[in-house]
Amino acid sequence: MIITDEHLRDDVINRLFWNDLVNVADISVRVRSGEVTLSGTVPDYAARQAAAQVARDAGAVEVHNQLTIRYPDISAPPPDLELAACVRDALACSGELDVSAIDVTVQSGLARMEGFVDTRRKKERAAAMASSVSGIVSVSNELAVVPSGDPHDKRIARNIMEGLCPNVLFNMREMTVEVDRAVVTLSGAVPSRAAYRAAYEIARYTIGVKGVHNDLEVVK
């Protein structure tokens, strides 16, 4: 069945209506050639992400998320230092994250998390907890996964992340670096074959690495 732009738009609006995180009345949905553009306002970062996921689930070939965050009942967002403290508190309240291994900084509402967790699920959990904090507009999840907790693996992971994070080819929100017994696994999405190759090269030539599994997908 071919989904027309009109049908896709109606489906996205209907799904947004039933999503408790957003108010569909505040969101405009435009569709062209299967690409969905969302504009308007949402109350927080979690709602912004949820709206984009709704469009993807409806079958959008690409989502252009232009939603802005409207801070309710306050004239300005909380200061960055206060937001960072709130993110740390949220992570601590999860009960499963070792907050001492996670460094949180916030700049202009952008939360950046660096450090280590021992499973990919905990990395995703950390991002969800950070995004739930009112005033956070985006989350850069730069946590590496080190199942063993071995200091040598952590050193390798840190060096790889330092090579990847400044590179404009990569969006660290879409990538995961896992190091286990000096073997690196790269997973997630990159926008091009050049990024795919560059990520592999950075990992492969990091001191101490014994092998690299490149499970990255090229998603344009």
Protein backbone atom coordinates (compact mmCIF):
# COMPACT_ATOMS: atom_id res chain seq x y z
CA MET A 1 0.00 0.00 0.00
CA ILE A 2 1.36 3.41 -1.00
CA ILE A 3 1.10 5.98 1.80
CA THR A 4 0.22 9.41 0.44
CA ASP A 5 1.53 12.59 2.05
CA GLU A 6 -2.02 13.46 3.14
CA HIS A 7 -2.54 10.07 4.75
CA LEU A 8 0.83 10.25 6.51
CA ARG A 9 0.08 13.73 7.84
CA ASP A 10 -3.31 12.60 9.20
CA ASP A 11 -1.70 9.56 10.81
CA VAL A 12 1.02 11.62 12.51
CA ILE A 13 -1.53 14.11 13.85
CA ASN A 14 -3.73 11.29 15.15
CA ARG A 15 -0.78 9.64 16.93
CA LEU A 16 0.29 12.95 18.44
CA PHE A 17 -3.26 13.45 19.73
CA TRP A 18 -3.02 10.24 21.75
CA ASN A 19 0.50 10.92 23.05
CA ASP A 20 0.39 12.21 26.62
CA LEU A 21 3.73 14.02 26.35
CA VAL A 22 2.63 16.53 23.71
CA ASN A 23 -0.24 18.88 22.95
CA VAL A 24 -1.09 18.40 19.29
CA ALA A 25 -2.70 21.84 19.21
CA ASP A 26 0.78 23.37 19.62
CA ILE A 27 2.35 21.36 16.79
CA SER A 28 2.23 21.91 13.03
CA VAL A 29 2.81 18.89 10.78
CA ARG A 30 3.89 19.29 7.13
CA VAL A 31 4.62 16.38 4.80
CA ARG A 32 6.36 16.44 1.44
CA SER A 33 7.47 13.32 -0.44
CA GLY A 34 7.24 11.30 2.75
CA GLU A 35 9.39 13.72 4.76
CA VAL A 36 7.71 15.10 7.88
CA THR A 37 8.48 18.56 9.26
CA LEU A 38 7.37 19.29 12.82
CA SER A 39 7.19 22.88 14.04
CA GLY A 40 5.63 24.62 17.00
CA THR A 41 6.28 24.23 20.73
CA VAL A 42 6.58 21.47 23.31
CA PRO A 43 7.07 21.67 27.10
CA ASP A 44 10.39 19.81 27.33
CA TYR A 45 13.08 17.85 25.51
CA ALA A 46 11.40 14.49 26.20
CA ALA A 47 8.27 15.72 24.43
CA ARG A 48 10.35 16.97 21.49
CA GLN A 49 11.97 13.55 21.10
CA ALA A 50 8.63 11.78 21.52
CA ALA A 51 7.03 13.83 18.74
CA ALA A 52 9.83 12.94 16.33
CA GLN A 53 9.50 9.25 17.22
CA VAL A 54 5.77 9.42 16.55
CA ALA A 55 6.49 10.65 13.01
CA ARG A 56 9.03 7.86 12.46
CA ASP A 57 6.61 5.23 13.73
CA ALA A 58 3.97 6.53 11.33
CA GLY A 59 6.32 5.79 8.40
CA ALA A 60 8.12 9.08 7.70
CA VAL A 61 11.16 8.58 5.48
CA GLU A 62 12.82 11.49 7.28
CA VAL A 63 11.85 13.78 10.16
CA HIS A 64 12.81 17.45 10.33
CA ASN A 65 12.30 18.35 13.97
CA GLN A 66 11.91 22.12 14.25
CA LEU A 67 9.99 22.03 17.52
CA THR A 68 11.12 24.51 20.15
CA ILE A 69 10.82 24.11 23.89
CA ARG A 70 8.48 26.45 25.74
CA TYR A 71 9.24 26.73 29.44
CA PRO A 72 5.94 26.82 31.36
CA ASP A 73 5.33 29.08 34.35
CA ILE A 74 8.81 30.63 34.33
CA SER A 75 10.22 33.62 32.52
CA ALA A 76 13.52 31.93 31.69
CA PRO A 77 15.04 28.45 31.82
CA PRO A 78 17.00 27.50 34.97
CA PRO A 79 20.73 28.31 35.05
CA ASP A 80 23.03 25.69 33.53
CA LEU A 81 24.67 24.80 36.86
CA GLU A 82 21.27 24.19 38.39
CA LEU A 83 20.24 22.06 35.41
CA ALA A 84 23.42 19.99 35.69
CA ALA A 85 22.66 19.32 39.34
CA CYS A 86 19.09 18.31 38.42
CA VAL A 87 20.39 15.89 35.78
CA ARG A 88 22.77 14.31 38.31
CA ASP A 89 19.91 13.95 40.77
CA ALA A 90 17.76 12.33 38.10
CA LEU A 91 20.52 9.86 37.25
CA ALA A 92 21.02 9.04 40.93
CA CYS A 93 17.30 8.43 41.39
CA SER A 94 17.33 5.76 38.70
CA GLY A 95 18.84 3.38 41.23
CA GLU A 96 20.86 1.50 38.60
CA LEU A 97 23.43 4.01 37.40
CA ASP A 98 26.83 4.60 38.97
CA VAL A 99 26.71 8.39 39.03
CA SER A 100 30.33 8.58 40.19
CA ALA A 101 31.36 7.27 36.74
CA ILE A 102 29.31 9.87 34.84
CA ASP A 103 30.33 13.50 34.32
CA VAL A 104 27.48 15.91 33.52
CA THR A 105 27.87 19.42 32.16
CA VAL A 106 25.19 21.74 30.78
CA GLN A 107 25.67 24.66 28.41
CA SER A 108 22.71 26.69 27.16
CA GLY A 109 20.40 23.83 28.07
CA LEU A 110 22.48 21.19 26.27
CA ALA A 111 23.36 18.37 28.65
CA ARG A 112 26.58 16.53 27.91
CA MET A 113 27.24 13.20 29.61
CA GLU A 114 30.71 11.66 29.58
CA GLY A 115 32.03 8.62 31.35
CA PHE A 116 31.15 4.93 31.53
CA VAL A 117 28.30 2.49 32.03
CA ASP A 118 28.45 -1.30 31.87
CA THR A 119 25.53 -1.97 29.50
CA ARG A 120 23.98 -0.30 26.46
CA ARG A 121 20.61 -0.31 28.21
CA LYS A 122 22.05 1.83 30.99
CA LYS A 123 23.39 4.28 28.42
CA GLU A 124 19.89 4.61 26.95
CA ARG A 125 18.44 4.88 30.46
CA ALA A 126 20.82 7.73 31.30
CA ALA A 127 19.75 9.65 28.19
CA ALA A 128 16.08 9.15 29.04
CA MET A 129 16.59 10.35 32.62
CA ALA A 130 18.55 13.43 31.50
CA SER A 131 16.00 14.34 28.84
CA SER A 132 13.19 14.23 31.43
CA VAL A 133 14.65 17.18 33.33
CA SER A 134 12.66 20.35 32.68
CA GLY A 135 14.90 22.95 31.02
CA ILE A 136 17.10 20.49 29.14
CA VAL A 137 16.79 21.21 25.43
CA SER A 138 19.09 18.49 24.09
CA VAL A 139 21.27 15.62 25.33
CA SER A 140 24.70 14.68 23.99
CA ASN A 141 25.15 11.12 25.23
CA GLU A 142 28.90 10.49 25.11
CA LEU A 143 28.89 7.61 27.59
CA ALA A 144 31.02 4.63 26.61
CA VAL A 145 30.03 1.06 27.46
CA VAL A 146 32.66 -0.89 29.38
CA PRO A 147 31.14 -4.18 30.65
CA SER A 148 34.25 -5.29 32.53
CA GLY A 149 34.91 -2.00 34.32
CA ASP A 150 38.59 -2.71 33.71
CA PRO A 151 40.75 0.46 33.89
CA HIS A 152 42.56 -0.56 30.67
CA ASP A 153 39.25 -0.84 28.80
CA LYS A 154 38.12 2.50 30.24
CA ARG A 155 41.33 4.14 29.04
CA ILE A 156 40.80 2.75 25.54
CA ALA A 157 37.15 3.89 25.51
CA ARG A 158 38.09 7.38 26.69
CA ASN A 159 40.73 7.74 23.98
CA ILE A 160 38.33 6.60 21.27
CA MET A 161 35.62 8.99 22.45
CA GLU A 162 38.13 11.84 22.45
CA GLY A 163 38.86 11.02 18.82
CA LEU A 164 35.22 10.72 17.78
CA CYS A 165 33.45 13.52 19.66
CA PRO A 166 35.13 16.59 18.07
CA ASN A 167 34.73 15.16 14.55
CA VAL A 168 31.90 16.78 12.57
CA LEU A 169 31.32 13.50 10.72
CA PHE A 170 29.74 11.94 13.78
CA ASN A 171 26.61 12.51 15.86
CA MET A 172 27.38 10.86 19.19
CA ARG A 173 23.67 10.72 20.00
CA GLU A 174 23.47 8.02 17.33
CA MET A 175 26.62 6.03 18.20
CA THR A 176 27.79 3.68 20.93
CA VAL A 177 31.36 2.66 21.71
CA GLU A 178 31.75 -0.56 23.69
CA VAL A 179 35.10 -1.91 24.90
CA ASP A 180 35.44 -5.40 26.38
CA ARG A 181 38.87 -6.93 26.97
CA ALA A 182 40.44 -4.45 24.54
CA VAL A 183 38.03 -5.43 21.73
CA VAL A 184 35.96 -2.48 20.47
CA THR A 185 32.40 -2.69 19.12
CA LEU A 186 31.01 0.32 17.26
CA SER A 187 27.23 0.42 16.85
CA GLY A 188 24.53 2.86 15.87
CA ALA A 189 24.22 5.08 12.81
CA VAL A 190 26.48 7.34 10.76
CA PRO A 191 25.49 9.57 7.83
CA SER A 192 28.04 8.38 5.24
CA ARG A 193 30.56 5.74 4.21
CA ALA A 194 33.28 8.26 4.98
CA ALA A 195 32.07 8.47 8.59
CA TYR A 196 31.82 4.66 8.73
CA ARG A 197 35.45 4.29 7.64
CA ALA A 198 36.71 7.14 9.82
CA ALA A 199 35.11 5.68 12.97
CA TYR A 200 36.73 2.33 12.27
CA GLU A 201 40.14 3.92 11.70
CA ILE A 202 39.94 5.95 14.92
CA ALA A 203 39.07 2.84 16.92
CA ARG A 204 41.51 0.52 15.15
CA TYR A 205 44.55 2.73 15.69
CA THR A 206 43.83 3.64 19.30
CA ILE A 207 46.64 2.34 21.52
CA GLY A 208 45.79 -0.94 23.24
CA VAL A 209 42.99 -2.03 20.92
CA LYS A 210 43.16 -5.71 19.97
CA GLY A 211 40.27 -5.77 17.51
CA VAL A 212 37.28 -3.80 16.17
CA HIS A 213 33.77 -4.94 15.30
CA ASN A 214 32.23 -2.22 13.14
CA ASP A 215 28.45 -2.66 13.41
CA LEU A 216 27.66 0.91 12.37
CA GLU A 217 24.92 1.45 9.78
CA VAL A 218 25.06 4.15 7.13
CA VAL A 219 21.77 6.04 7.38
CA LYS A 220 21.39 9.06 5.12
